[in-house]
Every structure is written in C-alpha cells, then in structure tokens.
C-alpha cells in the first residue's frame, strides 16, 4: 500500500475468553488517539443472533470503541439501512494493540442500551459468577463490576454514551 493510497487501515480484532480465542474478525481502523481505538466492522457472527431484545444479523455494522486504560468496550450497532439498533458493551480487560491486532479479553459481563434509551439491561451476570474470576483474580473481578456500574450510569442518561464516544 503506497503512502498516497486511499485504502483504509485494517486490523484484526481478537476477542479472547477464558484464555482462548472466541472470535477474530477484520475491521477498519477509524482512529487511535493513544488511549481510545475506534474501528468499524460488519457483523462477524454467522447468521442471525437473536437475543430476544435485539437481533444481530448480516448487514449490521458495528462501530466499536476500545480503551487501553478502561475495563470495557462500547459497540454502536446499526442495521443495514443505517438506523441505530443500540449499544452493546463488553466488560473486558483494557485492550492491547500489537501490530495489526487488537486483543481484548472478555470478562463475561455485558450491558445493552437500546437506541431510544428505554431498555438498559445488564447481561451475563450468571456467567461472570460461574467464571470464578472473583476467586482467581479478585482485583480484576472488582474492576469488571465497577466498569459495568459506570457504563450503566452512563447508559441511563438521556444522552447515553454521547460524551464518552465524542
């Protein structure tokens, strides 16, 4: 790729869970200010994933925000027609970039905020409890719970994540 190329920078997002790669997918790098990394990627799952409160499906586009110093990521989810479905937040260890990879360790806790802000829900608290992180790494478990609480406090505000993602 030449210095004058208009082709966007690409990287691989690698989501790790319990020491194993859960999913790996290509993404377009939108920005990296040294603390926050923003990428855009199409829905990387196979087929449709119906959570009951939202469906992720082919054609959906995720604009994802990761931090090197925060214990979460925030993903704006848009349908193929461009309408916002909502924001899916993963509680993770701080992101690590290495060359053309962005590695994120999922800690099981999640948060959903619908586009209209009426549906804010904590997810997978049972998985987090079963993970044993509280016993094996109490500091990380405490940071994860604090991150979920902080995201929920932002999500219930009328402007949601606007300030965080500006």
C-alpha atoms as a PDB file:
ATOM      1  CA  UNK A   1       0.000   0.000   0.000  1.00  0.00           C
ATOM      2  CA  UNK A   2       1.503   3.337  -1.008  1.00  0.00           C
ATOM      3  CA  UNK A   3       1.609   6.420   1.200  1.00  0.00           C
ATOM      4  CA  UNK A   4      -0.970   8.061  -1.083  1.00  0.00           C
ATOM      5  CA  UNK A   5      -3.367   5.124  -1.015  1.00  0.00           C
ATOM      6  CA  UNK A   6      -6.960   5.913  -0.098  1.00  0.00           C
ATOM      7  CA  UNK A   7      -7.433   2.380   1.233  1.00  0.00           C
ATOM      8  CA  UNK A   8      -8.413   2.426   4.923  1.00  0.00           C
ATOM      9  CA  UNK A   9      -6.121   0.960   7.565  1.00  0.00           C
ATOM     10  CA  UNK A  10      -7.181  -2.527   8.612  1.00  0.00           C
ATOM     11  CA  UNK A  11      -6.614  -4.582  11.708  1.00  0.00           C
ATOM     12  CA  UNK A  12      -7.829  -7.810  13.258  1.00  0.00           C
ATOM     13  CA  UNK A  13      -9.948  -7.650  16.390  1.00  0.00           C
ATOM     14  CA  UNK A  14      -9.263 -10.712  18.537  1.00  0.00           C
ATOM     15  CA  UNK A  15     -11.754 -11.442  21.320  1.00  0.00           C
ATOM     16  CA  UNK A  16     -10.322 -13.810  23.919  1.00  0.00           C
ATOM     17  CA  UNK A  17     -12.395 -15.532  26.586  1.00  0.00           C
ATOM     18  CA  UNK A  18     -11.010 -17.837  29.288  1.00  0.00           C
ATOM     19  CA  UNK A  19      -7.633 -17.918  27.554  1.00  0.00           C
ATOM     20  CA  UNK A  20      -8.990 -18.973  24.150  1.00  0.00           C
ATOM     21  CA  UNK A  21      -9.771 -17.005  21.027  1.00  0.00           C
ATOM     22  CA  UNK A  22     -13.558 -16.693  20.858  1.00  0.00           C
ATOM     23  CA  UNK A  23     -13.697 -14.777  17.575  1.00  0.00           C
ATOM     24  CA  UNK A  24     -11.330 -12.959  15.237  1.00  0.00           C
ATOM     25  CA  UNK A  25     -12.513 -10.565  12.548  1.00  0.00           C
ATOM     26  CA  UNK A  26     -11.157  -7.833  10.250  1.00  0.00           C
ATOM     27  CA  UNK A  27     -12.037  -4.223  10.993  1.00  0.00           C
ATOM     28  CA  UNK A  28     -11.369  -0.804   9.527  1.00  0.00           C
ATOM     29  CA  UNK A  29      -9.333   1.396  11.852  1.00  0.00           C
ATOM     30  CA  UNK A  30     -11.179   4.694  12.300  1.00  0.00           C
ATOM     31  CA  UNK A  31      -8.867   6.268  14.863  1.00  0.00           C
ATOM     32  CA  UNK A  32      -6.351   5.697  17.624  1.00  0.00           C
ATOM     33  CA  UNK A  33      -5.545   8.600  19.944  1.00  0.00           C
ATOM     34  CA  UNK A  34      -3.239   6.552  22.174  1.00  0.00           C
ATOM     35  CA  UNK A  35      -5.994   5.822  24.719  1.00  0.00           C
ATOM     36  CA  UNK A  36      -9.078   5.005  22.639  1.00  0.00           C
ATOM     37  CA  UNK A  37      -9.152   2.909  19.489  1.00  0.00           C
ATOM     38  CA  UNK A  38     -12.165   3.079  17.166  1.00  0.00           C
ATOM     39  CA  UNK A  39     -12.893   0.513  14.468  1.00  0.00           C
ATOM     40  CA  UNK A  40     -15.774  -0.367  12.160  1.00  0.00           C
ATOM     41  CA  UNK A  41     -16.711  -3.880  11.132  1.00  0.00           C
ATOM     42  CA  UNK A  42     -19.679  -5.749   9.724  1.00  0.00           C
ATOM     43  CA  UNK A  43     -21.444  -8.272  11.971  1.00  0.00           C
ATOM     44  CA  UNK A  44     -18.840 -11.019  12.318  1.00  0.00           C
ATOM     45  CA  UNK A  45     -21.136 -13.755  13.561  1.00  0.00           C
ATOM     46  CA  UNK A  46     -22.506 -16.497  11.395  1.00  0.00           C
ATOM     47  CA  UNK A  47     -26.133 -15.892  10.541  1.00  0.00           C
ATOM     48  CA  UNK A  48     -28.560 -14.213  12.930  1.00  0.00           C
ATOM     49  CA  UNK A  49     -28.085 -13.946  16.692  1.00  0.00           C
ATOM     50  CA  UNK A  50     -31.406 -13.203  18.362  1.00  0.00           C
ATOM     51  CA  UNK A  51     -31.092 -12.100  21.990  1.00  0.00           C
ATOM     52  CA  UNK A  52     -34.826 -11.503  22.345  1.00  0.00           C
ATOM     53  CA  UNK A  53     -34.321  -7.772  22.856  1.00  0.00           C
ATOM     54  CA  UNK A  54     -32.167  -7.241  19.724  1.00  0.00           C
ATOM     55  CA  UNK A  55     -31.137  -9.222  16.657  1.00  0.00           C
ATOM     56  CA  UNK A  56     -27.639  -9.067  15.221  1.00  0.00           C
ATOM     57  CA  UNK A  57     -27.705 -10.111  11.593  1.00  0.00           C
ATOM     58  CA  UNK A  58     -25.827  -9.946   8.317  1.00  0.00           C
ATOM     59  CA  UNK A  59     -25.744  -6.347   7.093  1.00  0.00           C
ATOM     60  CA  UNK A  60     -25.409  -4.894  10.606  1.00  0.00           C
ATOM     61  CA  UNK A  61     -22.411  -2.614  11.104  1.00  0.00           C
ATOM     62  CA  UNK A  62     -20.608  -2.199  14.413  1.00  0.00           C
ATOM     63  CA  UNK A  63     -18.609   0.910  15.279  1.00  0.00           C
ATOM     64  CA  UNK A  64     -16.518  -0.293  18.192  1.00  0.00           C
ATOM     65  CA  UNK A  65     -14.612   1.704  20.790  1.00  0.00           C
ATOM     66  CA  UNK A  66     -11.842   0.151  22.884  1.00  0.00           C
ATOM     67  CA  UNK A  67      -9.680   1.714  25.565  1.00  0.00           C
ATOM     68  CA  UNK A  68      -6.170   0.862  26.694  1.00  0.00           C
ATOM     69  CA  UNK A  69      -6.950   2.104  30.217  1.00  0.00           C
ATOM     70  CA  UNK A  70     -10.606   1.121  30.754  1.00  0.00           C
ATOM     71  CA  UNK A  71     -12.261  -2.189  31.503  1.00  0.00           C
ATOM     72  CA  UNK A  72     -14.886  -2.092  28.758  1.00  0.00           C
ATOM     73  CA  UNK A  73     -15.648  -1.639  25.089  1.00  0.00           C
ATOM     74  CA  UNK A  74     -18.702   0.054  23.596  1.00  0.00           C
ATOM     75  CA  UNK A  75     -20.139  -1.010  20.249  1.00  0.00           C
ATOM     76  CA  UNK A  76     -22.703   1.055  18.385  1.00  0.00           C
ATOM     77  CA  UNK A  77     -24.865  -1.313  16.346  1.00  0.00           C
ATOM     78  CA  UNK A  78     -26.523  -0.123  13.141  1.00  0.00           C
ATOM     79  CA  UNK A  79     -28.850  -2.041  10.854  1.00  0.00           C
ATOM     80  CA  UNK A  80     -28.096  -2.362   7.149  1.00  0.00           C
ATOM     81  CA  UNK A  81     -30.341   0.672   6.495  1.00  0.00           C
ATOM     82  CA  UNK A  82     -28.179   2.811   8.819  1.00  0.00           C
ATOM     83  CA  UNK A  83     -30.653   3.031  11.688  1.00  0.00           C
ATOM     84  CA  UNK A  84     -29.191   2.662  15.181  1.00  0.00           C
ATOM     85  CA  UNK A  85     -30.272  -0.501  16.978  1.00  0.00           C
ATOM     86  CA  UNK A  86     -28.405   0.344  20.161  1.00  0.00           C
ATOM     87  CA  UNK A  87     -25.125  -0.112  22.005  1.00  0.00           C
ATOM     88  CA  UNK A  88     -23.665  -3.403  23.154  1.00  0.00           C
ATOM     89  CA  UNK A  89     -20.965  -3.081  25.796  1.00  0.00           C
ATOM     90  CA  UNK A  90     -18.498  -5.779  26.774  1.00  0.00           C
ATOM     91  CA  UNK A  91     -16.720  -5.726  30.102  1.00  0.00           C
ATOM     92  CA  UNK A  92     -13.112  -6.548  29.244  1.00  0.00           C
ATOM     93  CA  UNK A  93      -9.588  -6.072  30.419  1.00  0.00           C
ATOM     94  CA  UNK A  94      -8.030  -2.977  28.833  1.00  0.00           C
ATOM     95  CA  UNK A  95      -7.390  -3.509  25.109  1.00  0.00           C
ATOM     96  CA  UNK A  96      -3.901  -4.355  23.875  1.00  0.00           C
ATOM     97  CA  UNK A  97      -2.783  -3.467  20.363  1.00  0.00           C
ATOM     98  CA  UNK A  98       0.071  -5.406  18.865  1.00  0.00           C
ATOM     99  CA  UNK A  99       0.974  -4.720  15.263  1.00  0.00           C
ATOM    100  CA  UNK A 100      -2.147  -5.255  13.199  1.00  0.00           C
ATOM    101  CA  UNK A 101      -4.072  -6.953  16.028  1.00  0.00           C
ATOM    102  CA  UNK A 102      -6.283  -5.541  18.738  1.00  0.00           C
ATOM    103  CA  UNK A 103      -6.633  -8.106  21.514  1.00  0.00           C
ATOM    104  CA  UNK A 104      -9.458  -7.847  24.029  1.00  0.00           C
ATOM    105  CA  UNK A 105     -10.157 -10.254  26.901  1.00  0.00           C
ATOM    106  CA  UNK A 106     -13.887 -10.682  27.559  1.00  0.00           C
ATOM    107  CA  UNK A 107     -14.816 -10.948  31.261  1.00  0.00           C
ATOM    108  CA  UNK A 108     -18.386 -12.208  30.668  1.00  0.00           C
ATOM    109  CA  UNK A 109     -20.338  -9.155  31.876  1.00  0.00           C
ATOM    110  CA  UNK A 110     -22.221  -7.148  29.243  1.00  0.00           C
ATOM    111  CA  UNK A 111     -24.615  -4.216  29.007  1.00  0.00           C
ATOM    112  CA  UNK A 112     -27.204  -3.358  26.365  1.00  0.00           C
ATOM    113  CA  UNK A 113     -28.757   0.065  25.701  1.00  0.00           C
ATOM    114  CA  UNK A 114     -31.463   0.342  23.057  1.00  0.00           C
ATOM    115  CA  UNK A 115     -31.401   3.205  20.558  1.00  0.00           C
ATOM    116  CA  UNK A 116     -34.238   5.001  22.354  1.00  0.00           C
ATOM    117  CA  UNK A 117     -32.625   4.503  25.779  1.00  0.00           C
ATOM    118  CA  UNK A 118     -35.705   2.788  27.217  1.00  0.00           C
ATOM    119  CA  UNK A 119     -34.062  -0.614  27.513  1.00  0.00           C
ATOM    120  CA  UNK A 120     -30.876  -0.726  29.565  1.00  0.00           C
ATOM    121  CA  UNK A 121     -30.011  -4.180  30.811  1.00  0.00           C
ATOM    122  CA  UNK A 122     -27.117  -5.935  32.496  1.00  0.00           C
ATOM    123  CA  UNK A 123     -26.287  -9.254  30.867  1.00  0.00           C
ATOM    124  CA  UNK A 124     -24.485 -12.468  31.745  1.00  0.00           C
ATOM    125  CA  UNK A 125     -24.019 -11.820  35.451  1.00  0.00           C
ATOM    126  CA  UNK A 126     -24.561 -15.566  35.939  1.00  0.00           C
ATOM    127  CA  UNK A 127     -21.699 -16.371  33.538  1.00  0.00           C
ATOM    128  CA  UNK A 128     -19.473 -13.926  35.390  1.00  0.00           C
ATOM    129  CA  UNK A 129     -20.277 -15.577  38.719  1.00  0.00           C
ATOM    130  CA  UNK A 130     -19.568 -19.023  37.239  1.00  0.00           C
ATOM    131  CA  UNK A 131     -16.261 -17.888  35.691  1.00  0.00           C
ATOM    132  CA  UNK A 132     -14.522 -17.968  39.076  1.00  0.00           C
ATOM    133  CA  UNK A 133     -12.793 -14.645  38.430  1.00  0.00           C
ATOM    134  CA  UNK A 134     -13.790 -13.397  41.877  1.00  0.00           C
ATOM    135  CA  UNK A 135     -11.642 -16.155  43.390  1.00  0.00           C
ATOM    136  CA  UNK A 136      -8.811 -16.335  40.848  1.00  0.00           C
ATOM    137  CA  UNK A 137      -8.313 -12.599  40.278  1.00  0.00           C
ATOM    138  CA  UNK A 138     -10.312 -10.534  42.793  1.00  0.00           C
ATOM    139  CA  UNK A 139      -8.802  -7.231  41.594  1.00  0.00           C
ATOM    140  CA  UNK A 140      -9.903  -7.893  38.017  1.00  0.00           C
ATOM    141  CA  UNK A 141     -13.353  -9.002  39.212  1.00  0.00           C
ATOM    142  CA  UNK A 142     -13.724  -5.790  41.204  1.00  0.00           C
ATOM    143  CA  UNK A 143     -12.607  -3.690  38.213  1.00  0.00           C
ATOM    144  CA  UNK A 144     -15.102  -5.541  35.987  1.00  0.00           C
ATOM    145  CA  UNK A 145     -18.044  -4.885  38.316  1.00  0.00           C
ATOM    146  CA  UNK A 146     -17.028  -1.229  38.700  1.00  0.00           C
ATOM    147  CA  UNK A 147     -16.843  -0.897  34.890  1.00  0.00           C
ATOM    148  CA  UNK A 148     -20.329  -2.377  34.496  1.00  0.00           C
ATOM    149  CA  UNK A 149     -21.700   0.024  37.118  1.00  0.00           C
ATOM    150  CA  UNK A 150     -20.035   3.002  35.384  1.00  0.00           C
ATOM    151  CA  UNK A 151     -21.414   2.035  31.967  1.00  0.00           C
ATOM    152  CA  UNK A 152     -24.897   1.526  33.367  1.00  0.00           C
ATOM    153  CA  UNK A 153     -24.774   5.000  34.951  1.00  0.00           C
ATOM    154  CA  UNK A 154     -23.920   6.464  31.525  1.00  0.00           C
ATOM    155  CA  UNK A 155     -26.481   4.338  29.682  1.00  0.00           C
ATOM    156  CA  UNK A 156     -29.434   5.564  31.746  1.00  0.00           C
ATOM    157  CA  UNK A 157     -28.655   9.217  30.985  1.00  0.00           C
ATOM    158  CA  UNK A 158     -30.753  10.795  28.204  1.00  0.00           C
ATOM    159  CA  UNK A 159     -27.653  11.351  26.050  1.00  0.00           C
ATOM    160  CA  UNK A 160     -26.378   7.835  26.798  1.00  0.00           C
ATOM    161  CA  UNK A 161     -22.833   7.318  25.591  1.00  0.00           C
ATOM    162  CA  UNK A 162     -22.631  10.514  23.517  1.00  0.00           C
ATOM    163  CA  UNK A 163     -19.987  12.194  25.668  1.00  0.00           C
ATOM    164  CA  UNK A 164     -17.957   9.007  26.028  1.00  0.00           C
ATOM    165  CA  UNK A 165     -17.837   8.411  22.288  1.00  0.00           C
ATOM    166  CA  UNK A 166     -17.447  12.012  21.103  1.00  0.00           C
END
